[in-house]
Amino acid sequence: MAAIASINAQQHGAFAATPATLTASDTITFDSRKKQLAVFRNGTGGALTAKIDGDGGTTVNAPGLGAVSVSGGYDIALAAGETKAVVLSTISEYCRGVVTITGASGASLTVFDL
């Protein structure tokens, strides 16, 4: 399990943005005070599903729906060769507590602090 550090993107000009290669289970630090962009790239030959799961997420009250479970995590399906991004604040309920990324071993992840 590797802890993947975020990259400060509030810099002038070009800067290094080396992605981390995901293993079976990795962690990221969600900072609700920052706008963070997570960019997943599946460079493998097969489809993968990255699961973002904070250990503090249980249920949230959604207007018009009532209690909705977020305990199962948030899935991002990645076809072979596909890249997808998510602004973590838009899925903040899934990012409570220790945030673990599973299911995408071999894919890469870069987390930017915008």
PDB file of N, CA and C in Angstrom:
ATOM      1  N   MET A   1       0.854  -1.175   0.000  1.00  0.00           N
ATOM      2  CA  MET A   1       0.000   0.000   0.000  1.00  0.00           C
ATOM      3  C   MET A   1       0.898   1.236   0.000  1.00  0.00           C
ATOM      4  N   ALA A   2       0.723   2.058  -1.017  1.00  0.00           N
ATOM      5  CA  ALA A   2       1.503   3.287  -1.118  1.00  0.00           C
ATOM      6  C   ALA A   2       0.614   4.491  -0.841  1.00  0.00           C
ATOM      7  N   ALA A   3       1.202   5.486  -0.188  1.00  0.00           N
ATOM      8  CA  ALA A   3       0.511   6.764   0.019  1.00  0.00           C
ATOM      9  C   ALA A   3       0.884   7.663  -1.146  1.00  0.00           C
ATOM     10  N   ILE A   4      -0.092   8.059  -1.927  1.00  0.00           N
ATOM     11  CA  ILE A   4       0.149   8.883  -3.117  1.00  0.00           C
ATOM     12  C   ILE A   4      -0.003  10.344  -2.733  1.00  0.00           C
ATOM     13  N   ALA A   5       1.067  11.093  -2.898  1.00  0.00           N
ATOM     14  CA  ALA A   5       1.069  12.516  -2.548  1.00  0.00           C
ATOM     15  C   ALA A   5       0.454  13.335  -3.681  1.00  0.00           C
ATOM     16  N   SER A   6      -0.197  14.422  -3.304  1.00  0.00           N
ATOM     17  CA  SER A   6      -0.748  15.334  -4.305  1.00  0.00           C
ATOM     18  C   SER A   6       0.342  16.297  -4.768  1.00  0.00           C
ATOM     19  N   ILE A   7       0.108  16.909  -5.925  1.00  0.00           N
ATOM     20  CA  ILE A   7       1.063  17.830  -6.538  1.00  0.00           C
ATOM     21  C   ILE A   7       0.468  19.230  -6.520  1.00  0.00           C
ATOM     22  N   ASN A   8       1.235  20.186  -6.032  1.00  0.00           N
ATOM     23  CA  ASN A   8       0.797  21.582  -6.021  1.00  0.00           C
ATOM     24  C   ASN A   8       0.797  22.104  -7.460  1.00  0.00           C
ATOM     25  N   ALA A   9      -0.386  22.407  -7.988  1.00  0.00           N
ATOM     26  CA  ALA A   9      -0.510  22.903  -9.362  1.00  0.00           C
ATOM     27  C   ALA A   9      -0.591  24.427  -9.413  1.00  0.00           C
ATOM     28  N   GLN A  10      -0.450  25.070  -8.277  1.00  0.00           N
ATOM     29  CA  GLN A  10      -0.475  26.531  -8.253  1.00  0.00           C
ATOM     30  C   GLN A  10       0.939  27.057  -8.433  1.00  0.00           C
ATOM     31  N   GLN A  11       1.503  26.755  -9.591  1.00  0.00           N
ATOM     32  CA  GLN A  11       2.867  27.149  -9.925  1.00  0.00           C
ATOM     33  C   GLN A  11       2.849  27.916 -11.240  1.00  0.00           C
ATOM     34  N   HIS A  12       3.883  28.652 -11.483  1.00  0.00           N
ATOM     35  CA  HIS A  12       4.008  29.394 -12.736  1.00  0.00           C
ATOM     36  C   HIS A  12       4.737  28.528 -13.752  1.00  0.00           C
ATOM     37  N   GLY A  13       4.202  28.475 -14.941  1.00  0.00           N
ATOM     38  CA  GLY A  13       4.858  27.718 -16.004  1.00  0.00           C
ATOM     39  C   GLY A  13       4.709  26.218 -15.826  1.00  0.00           C
ATOM     40  N   ALA A  14       5.540  25.488 -16.546  1.00  0.00           N
ATOM     41  CA  ALA A  14       5.499  24.027 -16.513  1.00  0.00           C
ATOM     42  C   ALA A  14       6.106  23.498 -15.218  1.00  0.00           C
ATOM     43  N   PHE A  15       5.593  22.359 -14.776  1.00  0.00           N
ATOM     44  CA  PHE A  15       6.121  21.725 -13.570  1.00  0.00           C
ATOM     45  C   PHE A  15       5.996  20.208 -13.714  1.00  0.00           C
ATOM     46  N   ALA A  16       6.778  19.487 -12.943  1.00  0.00           N
ATOM     47  CA  ALA A  16       6.750  18.023 -12.985  1.00  0.00           C
ATOM     48  C   ALA A  16       5.431  17.508 -12.443  1.00  0.00           C
ATOM     49  N   ALA A  17       4.869  16.534 -13.111  1.00  0.00           N
ATOM     50  CA  ALA A  17       3.608  15.920 -12.682  1.00  0.00           C
ATOM     51  C   ALA A  17       3.697  14.419 -12.926  1.00  0.00           C
ATOM     52  N   THR A  18       4.617  13.784 -12.241  1.00  0.00           N
ATOM     53  CA  THR A  18       4.860  12.367 -12.419  1.00  0.00           C
ATOM     54  C   THR A  18       3.735  11.545 -11.795  1.00  0.00           C
ATOM     55  N   PRO A  19       3.081  10.702 -12.593  1.00  0.00           N
ATOM     56  CA  PRO A  19       1.994   9.891 -12.036  1.00  0.00           C
ATOM     57  C   PRO A  19       2.546   8.747 -11.183  1.00  0.00           C
ATOM     58  N   ALA A  20       1.717   8.291 -10.264  1.00  0.00           N
ATOM     59  CA  ALA A  20       2.044   7.115  -9.451  1.00  0.00           C
ATOM     60  C   ALA A  20       1.373   5.905 -10.083  1.00  0.00           C
ATOM     61  N   THR A  21       2.073   4.789 -10.106  1.00  0.00           N
ATOM     62  CA  THR A  21       1.478   3.549 -10.590  1.00  0.00           C
ATOM     63  C   THR A  21       0.736   2.895  -9.433  1.00  0.00           C
ATOM     64  N   LEU A  22      -0.537   2.620  -9.648  1.00  0.00           N
ATOM     65  CA  LEU A  22      -1.365   2.050  -8.595  1.00  0.00           C
ATOM     66  C   LEU A  22      -1.051   0.578  -8.359  1.00  0.00           C
ATOM     67  N   THR A  23      -1.140   0.174  -7.094  1.00  0.00           N
ATOM     68  CA  THR A  23      -1.004  -1.228  -6.708  1.00  0.00           C
ATOM     69  C   THR A  23      -2.388  -1.739  -6.336  1.00  0.00           C
ATOM     70  N   ALA A  24      -2.455  -2.864  -5.666  1.00  0.00           N
ATOM     71  CA  ALA A  24      -3.754  -3.417  -5.279  1.00  0.00           C
ATOM     72  C   ALA A  24      -4.508  -2.508  -4.317  1.00  0.00           C
ATOM     73  N   SER A  25      -3.764  -1.731  -3.496  1.00  0.00           N
ATOM     74  CA  SER A  25      -4.390  -0.839  -2.520  1.00  0.00           C
ATOM     75  C   SER A  25      -3.458   0.326  -2.222  1.00  0.00           C
ATOM     76  N   ASP A  26      -3.911   1.534  -2.489  1.00  0.00           N
ATOM     77  CA  ASP A  26      -3.128   2.743  -2.256  1.00  0.00           C
ATOM     78  C   ASP A  26      -4.001   3.758  -1.532  1.00  0.00           C
ATOM     79  N   THR A  27      -3.374   4.765  -0.943  1.00  0.00           N
ATOM     80  CA  THR A  27      -4.137   5.805  -0.249  1.00  0.00           C
ATOM     81  C   THR A  27      -3.810   7.183  -0.802  1.00  0.00           C
ATOM     82  N   ILE A  28      -4.789   8.087  -0.680  1.00  0.00           N
ATOM     83  CA  ILE A  28      -4.592   9.501  -0.994  1.00  0.00           C
ATOM     84  C   ILE A  28      -5.109  10.305   0.191  1.00  0.00           C
ATOM     85  N   THR A  29      -4.661  11.548   0.282  1.00  0.00           N
ATOM     86  CA  THR A  29      -5.147  12.437   1.334  1.00  0.00           C
ATOM     87  C   THR A  29      -6.086  13.450   0.704  1.00  0.00           C
ATOM     88  N   PHE A  30      -7.346  13.406   1.110  1.00  0.00           N
ATOM     89  CA  PHE A  30      -8.336  14.374   0.633  1.00  0.00           C
ATOM     90  C   PHE A  30      -8.299  15.577   1.560  1.00  0.00           C
ATOM     91  N   ASP A  31      -8.166  16.760   0.967  1.00  0.00           N
ATOM     92  CA  ASP A  31      -8.140  18.012   1.730  1.00  0.00           C
ATOM     93  C   ASP A  31      -9.323  18.862   1.272  1.00  0.00           C
ATOM     94  N   SER A  32     -10.343  18.941   2.100  1.00  0.00           N
ATOM     95  CA  SER A  32     -11.566  19.658   1.721  1.00  0.00           C
ATOM     96  C   SER A  32     -11.340  21.157   1.558  1.00  0.00           C
ATOM     97  N   ARG A  33     -10.209  21.664   2.023  1.00  0.00           N
ATOM     98  CA  ARG A  33      -9.906  23.095   1.874  1.00  0.00           C
ATOM     99  C   ARG A  33      -9.333  23.418   0.499  1.00  0.00           C
ATOM    100  N   LYS A  34      -8.989  22.389  -0.251  1.00  0.00           N
ATOM    101  CA  LYS A  34      -8.382  22.577  -1.573  1.00  0.00           C
ATOM    102  C   LYS A  34      -9.268  21.976  -2.651  1.00  0.00           C
ATOM    103  N   LYS A  35      -9.106  22.490  -3.867  1.00  0.00           N
ATOM    104  CA  LYS A  35      -9.744  21.872  -5.019  1.00  0.00           C
ATOM    105  C   LYS A  35      -8.723  20.874  -5.556  1.00  0.00           C
ATOM    106  N   GLN A  36      -9.073  19.586  -5.491  1.00  0.00           N
ATOM    107  CA  GLN A  36      -8.150  18.544  -5.905  1.00  0.00           C
ATOM    108  C   GLN A  36      -8.716  17.799  -7.111  1.00  0.00           C
ATOM    109  N   LEU A  37      -7.857  17.576  -8.096  1.00  0.00           N
ATOM    110  CA  LEU A  37      -8.224  16.857  -9.312  1.00  0.00           C
ATOM    111  C   LEU A  37      -7.439  15.554  -9.349  1.00  0.00           C
ATOM    112  N   ALA A  38      -8.152  14.436  -9.404  1.00  0.00           N
ATOM    113  CA  ALA A  38      -7.519  13.123  -9.515  1.00  0.00           C
ATOM    114  C   ALA A  38      -7.642  12.663 -10.961  1.00  0.00           C
ATOM    115  N   VAL A  39      -6.505  12.348 -11.589  1.00  0.00           N
ATOM    116  CA  VAL A  39      -6.474  11.924 -12.982  1.00  0.00           C
ATOM    117  C   VAL A  39      -5.990  10.472 -13.041  1.00  0.00           C
ATOM    118  N   PHE A  40      -6.875   9.592 -13.507  1.00  0.00           N
ATOM    119  CA  PHE A  40      -6.570   8.172 -13.647  1.00  0.00           C
ATOM    120  C   PHE A  40      -6.294   7.859 -15.113  1.00  0.00           C
ATOM    121  N   ARG A  41      -5.253   7.063 -15.374  1.00  0.00           N
ATOM    122  CA  ARG A  41      -4.961   6.625 -16.744  1.00  0.00           C
ATOM    123  C   ARG A  41      -4.723   5.127 -16.730  1.00  0.00           C
ATOM    124  N   ASN A  42      -5.486   4.435 -17.558  1.00  0.00           N
ATOM    125  CA  ASN A  42      -5.349   2.990 -17.664  1.00  0.00           C
ATOM    126  C   ASN A  42      -4.467   2.668 -18.864  1.00  0.00           C
ATOM    127  N   GLY A  43      -3.193   2.423 -18.609  1.00  0.00           N
ATOM    128  CA  GLY A  43      -2.259   2.058 -19.669  1.00  0.00           C
ATOM    129  C   GLY A  43      -2.139   0.558 -19.848  1.00  0.00           C
ATOM    130  N   THR A  44      -2.991  -0.199 -19.155  1.00  0.00           N
ATOM    131  CA  THR A  44      -2.943  -1.653 -19.269  1.00  0.00           C
ATOM    132  C   THR A  44      -3.740  -2.099 -20.495  1.00  0.00           C
ATOM    133  N   GLY A  45      -3.694  -3.364 -20.795  1.00  0.00           N
ATOM    134  CA  GLY A  45      -4.404  -3.904 -21.948  1.00  0.00           C
ATOM    135  C   GLY A  45      -5.833  -4.307 -21.671  1.00  0.00           C
ATOM    136  N   GLY A  46      -6.296  -4.118 -20.433  1.00  0.00           N
ATOM    137  CA  GLY A  46      -7.657  -4.529 -20.091  1.00  0.00           C
ATOM    138  C   GLY A  46      -8.401  -3.465 -19.322  1.00  0.00           C
ATOM    139  N   ALA A  47      -9.696  -3.666 -19.159  1.00  0.00           N
ATOM    140  CA  ALA A  47     -10.534  -2.727 -18.421  1.00  0.00           C
ATOM    141  C   ALA A  47     -10.266  -2.854 -16.917  1.00  0.00           C
ATOM    142  N   LEU A  48     -10.319  -1.725 -16.221  1.00  0.00           N
ATOM    143  CA  LEU A  48     -10.139  -1.672 -14.774  1.00  0.00           C
ATOM    144  C   LEU A  48     -11.223  -0.785 -14.174  1.00  0.00           C
ATOM    145  N   THR A  49     -11.509  -0.985 -12.901  1.00  0.00           N
ATOM    146  CA  THR A  49     -12.432  -0.107 -12.188  1.00  0.00           C
ATOM    147  C   THR A  49     -11.760   0.358 -10.914  1.00  0.00           C
ATOM    148  N   ALA A  50     -11.414   1.632 -10.880  1.00  0.00           N
ATOM    149  CA  ALA A  50     -10.808   2.222  -9.687  1.00  0.00           C
ATOM    150  C   ALA A  50     -11.921   2.547  -8.693  1.00  0.00           C
ATOM    151  N   LYS A  51     -11.745   2.101  -7.455  1.00  0.00           N
ATOM    152  CA  LYS A  51     -12.718   2.393  -6.400  1.00  0.00           C
ATOM    153  C   LYS A  51     -12.078   3.370  -5.421  1.00  0.00           C
ATOM    154  N   ILE A  52     -12.747   4.520  -5.219  1.00  0.00           N
ATOM    155  CA  ILE A  52     -12.327   5.523  -4.233  1.00  0.00           C
ATOM    156  C   ILE A  52     -13.209   5.322  -3.016  1.00  0.00           C
ATOM    157  N   ASP A  53     -12.598   4.975  -1.884  1.00  0.00           N
ATOM    158  CA  ASP A  53     -13.399   4.619  -0.714  1.00  0.00           C
ATOM    159  C   ASP A  53     -12.768   5.151   0.570  1.00  0.00           C
ATOM    160  N   GLY A  54     -13.406   6.160   1.146  1.00  0.00           N
ATOM    161  CA  GLY A  54     -12.982   6.674   2.438  1.00  0.00           C
ATOM    162  C   GLY A  54     -13.585   5.832   3.546  1.00  0.00           C
ATOM    163  N   ASP A  55     -12.788   5.500   4.552  1.00  0.00           N
ATOM    164  CA  ASP A  55     -13.306   4.616   5.608  1.00  0.00           C
ATOM    165  C   ASP A  55     -14.283   5.309   6.544  1.00  0.00           C
ATOM    166  N   GLY A  56     -14.473   6.631   6.382  1.00  0.00           N
ATOM    167  CA  GLY A  56     -15.425   7.359   7.222  1.00  0.00           C
ATOM    168  C   GLY A  56     -16.770   7.592   6.557  1.00  0.00           C
ATOM    169  N   GLY A  57     -16.917   7.159   5.310  1.00  0.00           N
ATOM    170  CA  GLY A  57     -18.173   7.363   4.587  1.00  0.00           C
ATOM    171  C   GLY A  57     -19.194   6.297   4.930  1.00  0.00           C
ATOM    172  N   THR A  58     -20.394   6.703   5.315  1.00  0.00           N
ATOM    173  CA  THR A  58     -21.468   5.745   5.611  1.00  0.00           C
ATOM    174  C   THR A  58     -22.692   6.091   4.781  1.00  0.00           C
ATOM    175  N   THR A  59     -23.519   7.006   5.269  1.00  0.00           N
ATOM    176  CA  THR A  59     -24.700   7.444   4.525  1.00  0.00           C
ATOM    177  C   THR A  59     -24.768   8.965   4.527  1.00  0.00           C
ATOM    178  N   VAL A  60     -25.413   9.500   3.505  1.00  0.00           N
ATOM    179  CA  VAL A  60     -25.647  10.946   3.414  1.00  0.00           C
ATOM    180  C   VAL A  60     -27.111  11.151   3.079  1.00  0.00           C
ATOM    181  N   ASN A  61     -27.644  12.276   3.479  1.00  0.00           N
ATOM    182  CA  ASN A  61     -29.026  12.618   3.134  1.00  0.00           C
ATOM    183  C   ASN A  61     -29.037  13.397   1.835  1.00  0.00           C
ATOM    184  N   ALA A  62     -29.673  12.838   0.822  1.00  0.00           N
ATOM    185  CA  ALA A  62     -29.782  13.472  -0.481  1.00  0.00           C
ATOM    186  C   ALA A  62     -31.195  14.017  -0.648  1.00  0.00           C
ATOM    187  N   PRO A  63     -31.327  15.315  -0.983  1.00  0.00           N
ATOM    188  CA  PRO A  63     -32.662  15.892  -1.161  1.00  0.00           C
ATOM    189  C   PRO A  63     -33.479  15.092  -2.184  1.00  0.00           C
ATOM    190  N   GLY A  64     -34.666  14.742  -1.795  1.00  0.00           N
ATOM    191  CA  GLY A  64     -35.549  13.994  -2.680  1.00  0.00           C
ATOM    192  C   GLY A  64     -35.338  12.489  -2.653  1.00  0.00           C
ATOM    193  N   LEU A  65     -34.240  12.046  -2.059  1.00  0.00           N
ATOM    194  CA  LEU A  65     -33.953  10.613  -2.016  1.00  0.00           C
ATOM    195  C   LEU A  65     -33.899  10.059  -0.600  1.00  0.00           C
ATOM    196  N   GLY A  66     -33.548  10.900   0.349  1.00  0.00           N
ATOM    197  CA  GLY A  66     -33.369  10.432   1.722  1.00  0.00           C
ATOM    198  C   GLY A  66     -31.954   9.934   1.940  1.00  0.00           C
ATOM    199  N   ALA A  67     -31.802   8.933   2.781  1.00  0.00           N
ATOM    200  CA  ALA A  67     -30.481   8.395   3.111  1.00  0.00           C
ATOM    201  C   ALA A  67     -29.927   7.571   1.950  1.00  0.00           C
ATOM    202  N   VAL A  68     -28.694   7.907   1.543  1.00  0.00           N
ATOM    203  CA  VAL A  68     -28.013   7.200   0.456  1.00  0.00           C
ATOM    204  C   VAL A  68     -26.690   6.690   1.000  1.00  0.00           C
ATOM    205  N   SER A  69     -26.398   5.420   0.778  1.00  0.00           N
ATOM    206  CA  SER A  69     -25.148   4.833   1.263  1.00  0.00           C
ATOM    207  C   SER A  69     -23.980   5.214   0.353  1.00  0.00           C
ATOM    208  N   VAL A  70     -22.879   5.628   0.974  1.00  0.00           N
ATOM    209  CA  VAL A  70     -21.636   5.880   0.241  1.00  0.00           C
ATOM    210  C   VAL A  70     -20.547   4.923   0.743  1.00  0.00           C
ATOM    211  N   SER A  71     -20.947   3.956   1.553  1.00  0.00           N
ATOM    212  CA  SER A  71     -19.994   3.047   2.178  1.00  0.00           C
ATOM    213  C   SER A  71     -19.306   2.108   1.194  1.00  0.00           C
ATOM    214  N   GLY A  72     -19.898   1.900   0.035  1.00  0.00           N
ATOM    215  CA  GLY A  72     -19.308   1.006  -0.963  1.00  0.00           C
ATOM    216  C   GLY A  72     -18.258   1.663  -1.832  1.00  0.00           C
ATOM    217  N   GLY A  73     -18.048   2.973  -1.659  1.00  0.00           N
ATOM    218  CA  GLY A  73     -17.054   3.679  -2.462  1.00  0.00           C
ATOM    219  C   GLY A  73     -17.620   4.184  -3.778  1.00  0.00           C
ATOM    220  N   TYR A  74     -16.769   4.903  -4.498  1.00  0.00           N
ATOM    221  CA  TYR A  74     -17.134   5.513  -5.779  1.00  0.00           C
ATOM    222  C   TYR A  74     -16.301   4.848  -6.867  1.00  0.00           C
ATOM    223  N   ASP A  75     -16.959   4.250  -7.854  1.00  0.00           N
ATOM    224  CA  ASP A  75     -16.265   3.530  -8.923  1.00  0.00           C
ATOM    225  C   ASP A  75     -16.034   4.405 -10.145  1.00  0.00           C
ATOM    226  N   ILE A  76     -14.841   4.268 -10.711  1.00  0.00           N
ATOM    227  CA  ILE A  76     -14.494   4.928 -11.972  1.00  0.00           C
ATOM    228  C   ILE A  76     -14.054   3.836 -12.936  1.00  0.00           C
ATOM    229  N   ALA A  77     -14.896   3.537 -13.932  1.00  0.00           N
ATOM    230  CA  ALA A  77     -14.592   2.509 -14.925  1.00  0.00           C
ATOM    231  C   ALA A  77     -13.621   3.072 -15.954  1.00  0.00           C
ATOM    232  N   LEU A  78     -12.561   2.311 -16.210  1.00  0.00           N
ATOM    233  CA  LEU A  78     -11.517   2.731 -17.149  1.00  0.00           C
ATOM    234  C   LEU A  78     -11.304   1.646 -18.200  1.00  0.00           C
ATOM    235  N   ALA A  79     -11.665   1.929 -19.438  1.00  0.00           N
ATOM    236  CA  ALA A  79     -11.378   0.997 -20.517  1.00  0.00           C
ATOM    237  C   ALA A  79      -9.867   1.010 -20.780  1.00  0.00           C
ATOM    238  N   ALA A  80      -9.371   0.029 -21.478  1.00  0.00           N
ATOM    239  CA  ALA A  80      -7.945  -0.014 -21.821  1.00  0.00           C
ATOM    240  C   ALA A  80      -7.563   1.263 -22.563  1.00  0.00           C
ATOM    241  N   GLY A  81      -6.502   1.923 -22.111  1.00  0.00           N
ATOM    242  CA  GLY A  81      -6.018   3.140 -22.747  1.00  0.00           C
ATOM    243  C   GLY A  81      -6.769   4.407 -22.391  1.00  0.00           C
ATOM    244  N   GLU A  82      -7.788   4.310 -21.551  1.00  0.00           N
ATOM    245  CA  GLU A  82      -8.628   5.462 -21.228  1.00  0.00           C
ATOM    246  C   GLU A  82      -8.071   6.274 -20.056  1.00  0.00           C
ATOM    247  N   THR A  83      -8.326   7.580 -20.095  1.00  0.00           N
ATOM    248  CA  THR A  83      -7.983   8.488 -19.008  1.00  0.00           C
ATOM    249  C   THR A  83      -9.257   9.181 -18.546  1.00  0.00           C
ATOM    250  N   LYS A  84      -9.463   9.235 -17.222  1.00  0.00           N
ATOM    251  CA  LYS A  84     -10.608   9.936 -16.640  1.00  0.00           C
ATOM    252  C   LYS A  84     -10.135  10.753 -15.454  1.00  0.00           C
ATOM    253  N   ALA A  85     -10.854  11.835 -15.177  1.00  0.00           N
ATOM    254  CA  ALA A  85     -10.515  12.703 -14.053  1.00  0.00           C
ATOM    255  C   ALA A  85     -11.762  12.977 -13.225  1.00  0.00           C
ATOM    256  N   VAL A  86     -11.545  13.261 -11.940  1.00  0.00           N
ATOM    257  CA  VAL A  86     -12.641  13.620 -11.042  1.00  0.00           C
ATOM    258  C   VAL A  86     -12.141  14.690 -10.078  1.00  0.00           C
ATOM    259  N   VAL A  87     -12.950  15.736  -9.891  1.00  0.00           N
ATOM    260  CA  VAL A  87     -12.668  16.733  -8.864  1.00  0.00           C
ATOM    261  C   VAL A  87     -13.163  16.131  -7.558  1.00  0.00           C
ATOM    262  N   LEU A  88     -12.251  15.903  -6.625  1.00  0.00           N
ATOM    263  CA  LEU A  88     -12.594  15.153  -5.415  1.00  0.00           C
ATOM    264  C   LEU A  88     -13.660  15.816  -4.556  1.00  0.00           C
ATOM    265  N   SER A  89     -13.758  17.140  -4.578  1.00  0.00           N
ATOM    266  CA  SER A  89     -14.793  17.809  -3.784  1.00  0.00           C
ATOM    267  C   SER A  89     -16.199  17.462  -4.270  1.00  0.00           C
ATOM    268  N   THR A  90     -16.345  17.025  -5.528  1.00  0.00           N
ATOM    269  CA  THR A  90     -17.656  16.651  -6.052  1.00  0.00           C
ATOM    270  C   THR A  90     -18.097  15.281  -5.557  1.00  0.00           C
ATOM    271  N   ILE A  91     -17.161  14.520  -4.996  1.00  0.00           N
ATOM    272  CA  ILE A  91     -17.489  13.218  -4.410  1.00  0.00           C
ATOM    273  C   ILE A  91     -16.976  13.171  -2.963  1.00  0.00           C
ATOM    274  N   SER A  92     -17.032  14.300  -2.297  1.00  0.00           N
ATOM    275  CA  SER A  92     -16.424  14.435  -0.965  1.00  0.00           C
ATOM    276  C   SER A  92     -16.974  13.455   0.056  1.00  0.00           C
ATOM    277  N   GLU A  93     -18.231  13.067  -0.067  1.00  0.00           N
ATOM    278  CA  GLU A  93     -18.802  12.124   0.900  1.00  0.00           C
ATOM    279  C   GLU A  93     -18.138  10.751   0.809  1.00  0.00           C
ATOM    280  N   TYR A  94     -17.575  10.433  -0.354  1.00  0.00           N
ATOM    281  CA  TYR A  94     -16.848   9.173  -0.530  1.00  0.00           C
ATOM    282  C   TYR A  94     -15.392   9.292  -0.040  1.00  0.00           C
ATOM    283  N   CYS A  95     -14.981  10.499   0.281  1.00  0.00           N
ATOM    284  CA  CYS A  95     -13.576  10.775   0.626  1.00  0.00           C
ATOM    285  C   CYS A  95     -13.379  11.101   2.103  1.00  0.00           C
ATOM    286  N   ARG A  96     -14.277  10.677   2.949  1.00  0.00           N
ATOM    287  CA  ARG A  96     -14.145  10.938   4.389  1.00  0.00           C
ATOM    288  C   ARG A  96     -13.221   9.905   5.021  1.00  0.00           C
ATOM    289  N   GLY A  97     -12.353  10.376   5.932  1.00  0.00           N
ATOM    290  CA  GLY A  97     -11.439   9.470   6.622  1.00  0.00           C
ATOM    291  C   GLY A  97     -10.261   9.098   5.748  1.00  0.00           C
ATOM    292  N   VAL A  98      -9.719   7.907   5.957  1.00  0.00           N
ATOM    293  CA  VAL A  98      -8.597   7.412   5.157  1.00  0.00           C
ATOM    294  C   VAL A  98      -9.154   6.971   3.808  1.00  0.00           C
ATOM    295  N   VAL A  99      -8.655   7.571   2.730  1.00  0.00           N
ATOM    296  CA  VAL A  99      -9.178   7.297   1.393  1.00  0.00           C
ATOM    297  C   VAL A  99      -8.276   6.277   0.699  1.00  0.00           C
ATOM    298  N   THR A 100      -8.862   5.144   0.342  1.00  0.00           N
ATOM    299  CA  THR A 100      -8.133   4.062  -0.304  1.00  0.00           C
ATOM    300  C   THR A 100      -8.592   3.922  -1.749  1.00  0.00           C
ATOM    301  N   ILE A 101      -7.621   3.661  -2.630  1.00  0.00           N
ATOM    302  CA  ILE A 101      -7.903   3.398  -4.045  1.00  0.00           C
ATOM    303  C   ILE A 101      -7.592   1.926  -4.286  1.00  0.00           C
ATOM    304  N   THR A 102      -8.577   1.179  -4.773  1.00  0.00           N
ATOM    305  CA  THR A 102      -8.377  -0.241  -5.079  1.00  0.00           C
ATOM    306  C   THR A 102      -8.940  -0.541  -6.468  1.00  0.00           C
ATOM    307  N   GLY A 103      -8.626  -1.732  -6.975  1.00  0.00           N
ATOM    308  CA  GLY A 103      -9.240  -2.213  -8.209  1.00  0.00           C
ATOM    309  C   GLY A 103      -8.601  -1.754  -9.498  1.00  0.00           C
ATOM    310  N   ALA A 104      -7.517  -0.988  -9.421  1.00  0.00           N
ATOM    311  CA  ALA A 104      -6.925  -0.456 -10.655  1.00  0.00           C
ATOM    312  C   ALA A 104      -5.413  -0.669 -10.681  1.00  0.00           C
ATOM    313  N   SER A 105      -4.981  -1.816 -10.200  1.00  0.00           N
ATOM    314  CA  SER A 105      -3.554  -2.121 -10.185  1.00  0.00           C
ATOM    315  C   SER A 105      -2.971  -2.033 -11.592  1.00  0.00           C
ATOM    316  N   GLY A 106      -1.893  -1.269 -11.727  1.00  0.00           N
ATOM    317  CA  GLY A 106      -1.252  -1.074 -13.026  1.00  0.00           C
ATOM    318  C   GLY A 106      -1.636   0.226 -13.704  1.00  0.00           C
ATOM    319  N   ALA A 107      -2.747   0.823 -13.315  1.00  0.00           N
ATOM    320  CA  ALA A 107      -3.135   2.133 -13.847  1.00  0.00           C
ATOM    321  C   ALA A 107      -2.294   3.197 -13.151  1.00  0.00           C
ATOM    322  N   SER A 108      -2.354   4.414 -13.646  1.00  0.00           N
ATOM    323  CA  SER A 108      -1.612   5.498 -12.999  1.00  0.00           C
ATOM    324  C   SER A 108      -2.587   6.531 -12.452  1.00  0.00           C
ATOM    325  N   LEU A 109      -2.124   7.244 -11.432  1.00  0.00           N
ATOM    326  CA  LEU A 109      -2.928   8.278 -10.789  1.00  0.00           C
ATOM    327  C   LEU A 109      -2.051   9.475 -10.489  1.00  0.00           C
ATOM    328  N   THR A 110      -2.565  10.646 -10.820  1.00  0.00           N
ATOM    329  CA  THR A 110      -1.939  11.899 -10.447  1.00  0.00           C
ATOM    330  C   THR A 110      -3.010  12.742  -9.760  1.00  0.00           C
ATOM    331  N   VAL A 111      -2.704  13.253  -8.563  1.00  0.00           N
ATOM    332  CA  VAL A 111      -3.640  14.098  -7.829  1.00  0.00           C
ATOM    333  C   VAL A 111      -3.051  15.510  -7.785  1.00  0.00           C
ATOM    334  N   PHE A 112      -3.793  16.465  -8.328  1.00  0.00           N
ATOM    335  CA  PHE A 112      -3.363  17.856  -8.376  1.00  0.00           C
ATOM    336  C   PHE A 112      -4.121  18.687  -7.351  1.00  0.00           C
ATOM    337  N   ASP A 113      -3.415  19.538  -6.628  1.00  0.00           N
ATOM    338  CA  ASP A 113      -4.018  20.565  -5.789  1.00  0.00           C
ATOM    339  C   ASP A 113      -4.104  21.817  -6.655  1.00  0.00           C
ATOM    340  N   LEU A 114      -5.327  22.162  -7.091  1.00  0.00           N
ATOM    341  CA  LEU A 114      -5.502  23.290  -8.011  1.00  0.00           C
ATOM    342  C   LEU A 114      -5.616  24.613  -7.279  1.00  0.00           C
TER     343      LEU A 114
END
